[in-house]
Amino acid sequence: MDYLWTPWRYQFVSQASKETGCIFCQAAQLGDDARALIGHRGQKNFVILNLFPYTTGHSMIVPYAHVADLAACDSETLAEMMTLARRLQMALGSLYHPQGFNVGMNLGRAAGAGVADHLHLHVLPRWTGDTNFMTTIAETRLEPEDVSVTYEKLHRALAETSP
């Protein structure tokens, strides 16, 4: 039997049942963007890395306002969200040279939202063949880069990428 060392998964498993409150609101209010993995703050939204990413660079754009769906979100927030999505795509593209991107939202638990009560837009860099046998057979993903390294790279790239 082969063993894969994934220490970040223990953090997820051990803390998942203990979480109370909104993880996005808590991150925005933490006061330590590096610890919260917030790579950029806009006027109405912030860019945060997914702590348990599907691919390296998996980020989310999150409104500061705690709203659950598009209907509850004001037009300025939605417009900035798209501007940040473009900026994030450019930054991730320059860092990782992906062959494509997934950009999207899961609205509600039935649609697959892990955090259903706070709207967020996922931006995932993608490469041909990045769904390997581990994902297909073992429901396990392998990430080649620690999320703290990704944060440092993305934080710098977003600072250098103009809106």
Protein backbone atom coordinates (compact mmCIF):
# COMPACT_ATOMS: atom_id res chain seq x y z
CA MET A 1 0.00 0.00 0.00
CA ASP A 2 1.26 3.49 -0.84
CA TYR A 3 0.97 6.36 1.62
CA LEU A 4 0.59 10.00 0.69
CA TRP A 5 1.61 12.66 3.16
CA THR A 6 -1.05 15.39 3.23
CA PRO A 7 -0.80 17.19 6.60
CA TRP A 8 -3.20 19.95 5.54
CA ARG A 9 -6.02 17.39 5.26
CA TYR A 10 -5.75 16.61 9.00
CA GLN A 11 -6.31 20.28 9.73
CA PHE A 12 -9.45 20.21 7.57
CA VAL A 13 -10.81 16.98 9.07
CA SER A 14 -10.07 17.95 12.68
CA GLN A 15 -11.50 21.47 12.39
CA ALA A 16 -14.46 20.88 10.08
CA SER A 17 -16.84 19.87 12.85
CA LYS A 18 -15.63 22.66 15.17
CA GLU A 19 -16.25 25.57 12.79
CA THR A 20 -18.87 28.07 13.91
CA GLY A 21 -19.82 31.22 12.11
CA CYS A 22 -18.96 32.25 8.57
CA ILE A 23 -15.42 31.38 7.50
CA PHE A 24 -15.37 34.24 4.98
CA CYS A 25 -16.54 36.88 7.46
CA GLN A 26 -14.01 35.59 10.00
CA ALA A 27 -11.19 35.73 7.44
CA ALA A 28 -12.07 39.30 6.40
CA GLN A 29 -12.09 40.45 10.04
CA LEU A 30 -9.00 38.54 11.21
CA GLY A 31 -6.61 41.45 10.73
CA ASP A 32 -3.85 39.22 9.35
CA ASP A 33 -4.28 38.81 5.59
CA ALA A 34 -1.36 36.39 5.24
CA ARG A 35 -2.82 34.09 7.90
CA ALA A 36 -6.29 34.39 6.38
CA LEU A 37 -4.81 33.82 2.88
CA ILE A 38 -6.38 37.05 1.59
CA GLY A 39 -4.29 37.98 -1.44
CA HIS A 40 -6.04 41.23 -2.28
CA ARG A 41 -8.70 43.54 -0.83
CA GLY A 42 -10.98 45.55 -3.07
CA GLN A 43 -13.66 48.05 -2.09
CA LYS A 44 -16.54 45.52 -2.03
CA ASN A 45 -14.79 42.13 -2.32
CA PHE A 46 -11.62 40.34 -1.37
CA VAL A 47 -9.59 37.58 -3.04
CA ILE A 48 -8.83 34.59 -0.84
CA LEU A 49 -7.09 31.30 -1.53
CA ASN A 50 -9.04 28.12 -0.95
CA LEU A 51 -7.34 26.47 2.03
CA PHE A 52 -8.20 23.05 0.58
CA PRO A 53 -7.75 23.68 -3.17
CA TYR A 54 -8.85 21.57 -6.12
CA THR A 55 -5.85 22.86 -8.10
CA THR A 56 -2.85 25.01 -7.25
CA GLY A 57 -3.99 28.63 -7.25
CA HIS A 58 -7.66 27.82 -6.53
CA SER A 59 -8.95 31.18 -5.34
CA MET A 60 -12.27 32.77 -4.51
CA ILE A 61 -13.62 36.29 -4.80
CA VAL A 62 -15.84 37.03 -1.81
CA PRO A 63 -18.02 40.05 -1.02
CA TYR A 64 -17.48 41.66 2.38
CA ALA A 65 -21.27 41.70 2.74
CA HIS A 66 -22.64 38.44 4.11
CA VAL A 67 -25.15 37.58 1.37
CA ALA A 68 -26.16 34.14 0.13
CA ASP A 69 -27.07 34.72 -3.51
CA LEU A 70 -26.86 37.04 -6.47
CA ALA A 71 -30.29 38.55 -5.88
CA ALA A 72 -29.13 39.86 -2.49
CA CYS A 73 -25.94 41.38 -3.89
CA ASP A 74 -25.73 45.00 -5.07
CA SER A 75 -24.62 45.87 -8.60
CA GLU A 76 -21.36 47.54 -7.52
CA THR A 77 -20.25 44.42 -5.66
CA LEU A 78 -21.04 42.19 -8.64
CA ALA A 79 -19.22 44.54 -11.05
CA GLU A 80 -16.11 44.59 -8.85
CA MET A 81 -16.31 40.80 -8.52
CA MET A 82 -15.99 40.45 -12.31
CA THR A 83 -13.18 43.01 -12.46
CA LEU A 84 -11.32 41.06 -9.77
CA ALA A 85 -12.00 37.79 -11.62
CA ARG A 86 -10.26 39.24 -14.69
CA ARG A 87 -7.37 40.50 -12.59
CA LEU A 88 -7.08 37.16 -10.79
CA GLN A 89 -7.10 35.26 -14.08
CA MET A 90 -4.27 37.45 -15.36
CA ALA A 91 -2.23 36.99 -12.16
CA LEU A 92 -2.73 33.22 -12.04
CA GLY A 93 -1.99 32.99 -15.75
CA SER A 94 1.34 34.78 -15.36
CA LEU A 95 2.31 32.65 -12.36
CA TYR A 96 1.24 29.15 -13.39
CA HIS A 97 0.60 29.26 -17.15
CA PRO A 98 -2.55 27.13 -17.02
CA GLN A 99 -4.22 25.90 -20.19
CA GLY A 100 -7.65 27.02 -19.04
CA PHE A 101 -9.76 28.25 -16.11
CA ASN A 102 -12.95 27.30 -14.35
CA VAL A 103 -14.81 30.36 -13.07
CA GLY A 104 -18.09 29.85 -11.29
CA MET A 105 -20.42 29.75 -8.32
CA ASN A 106 -22.39 27.07 -6.55
CA LEU A 107 -25.48 28.74 -5.12
CA GLY A 108 -27.05 26.66 -2.35
CA ARG A 109 -26.20 23.28 -0.83
CA ALA A 110 -28.11 21.41 -3.56
CA ALA A 111 -25.81 23.03 -6.13
CA GLY A 112 -22.69 21.93 -4.25
CA ALA A 113 -21.89 25.03 -2.20
CA GLY A 114 -19.61 24.16 0.70
CA VAL A 115 -20.34 27.57 2.23
CA ALA A 116 -23.93 28.13 1.19
CA ASP A 117 -24.67 31.24 3.22
CA HIS A 118 -21.94 33.52 1.81
CA LEU A 119 -21.68 34.16 -1.93
CA HIS A 120 -18.27 33.51 -3.50
CA LEU A 121 -16.86 33.12 -7.00
CA HIS A 122 -14.31 30.35 -7.61
CA VAL A 123 -11.40 30.86 -10.03
CA LEU A 124 -9.42 27.67 -10.72
CA PRO A 125 -6.46 27.34 -13.05
CA ARG A 126 -6.69 24.12 -15.10
CA TRP A 127 -4.28 21.98 -17.09
CA THR A 128 -4.99 19.20 -19.56
CA GLY A 129 -5.00 15.96 -17.62
CA ASP A 130 -5.13 17.55 -14.16
CA THR A 131 -7.88 15.11 -13.22
CA ASN A 132 -5.72 12.08 -12.63
CA PHE A 133 -6.35 8.59 -11.33
CA MET A 134 -6.16 9.79 -7.72
CA THR A 135 -9.18 12.04 -8.23
CA THR A 136 -11.07 9.52 -10.32
CA ILE A 137 -10.39 6.34 -8.36
CA ALA A 138 -9.41 7.37 -4.83
CA GLU A 139 -11.27 10.69 -4.53
CA THR A 140 -7.95 12.26 -3.54
CA ARG A 141 -6.21 15.25 -5.04
CA LEU A 142 -2.49 15.89 -5.07
CA GLU A 143 -1.27 19.47 -4.89
CA PRO A 144 2.33 20.17 -5.89
CA GLU A 145 2.61 23.44 -3.94
CA ASP A 146 1.92 24.34 -0.32
CA VAL A 147 -0.88 26.89 0.00
CA SER A 148 1.43 29.32 1.89
CA VAL A 149 3.80 29.37 -1.11
CA THR A 150 0.86 29.94 -3.46
CA TYR A 151 -0.31 32.80 -1.23
CA GLU A 152 3.05 34.60 -1.39
CA LYS A 153 3.23 34.27 -5.18
CA LEU A 154 -0.39 35.33 -5.76
CA HIS A 155 -0.27 38.23 -3.29
CA ARG A 156 2.73 39.67 -5.17
CA ALA A 157 1.20 39.02 -8.60
CA LEU A 158 -2.10 40.70 -7.69
CA ALA A 159 -0.23 43.74 -6.41
CA GLU A 160 1.58 43.95 -9.75
CA THR A 161 -1.50 43.35 -11.92
CA SER A 162 -3.44 46.47 -12.74
CA PRO A 163 -7.24 46.46 -12.51
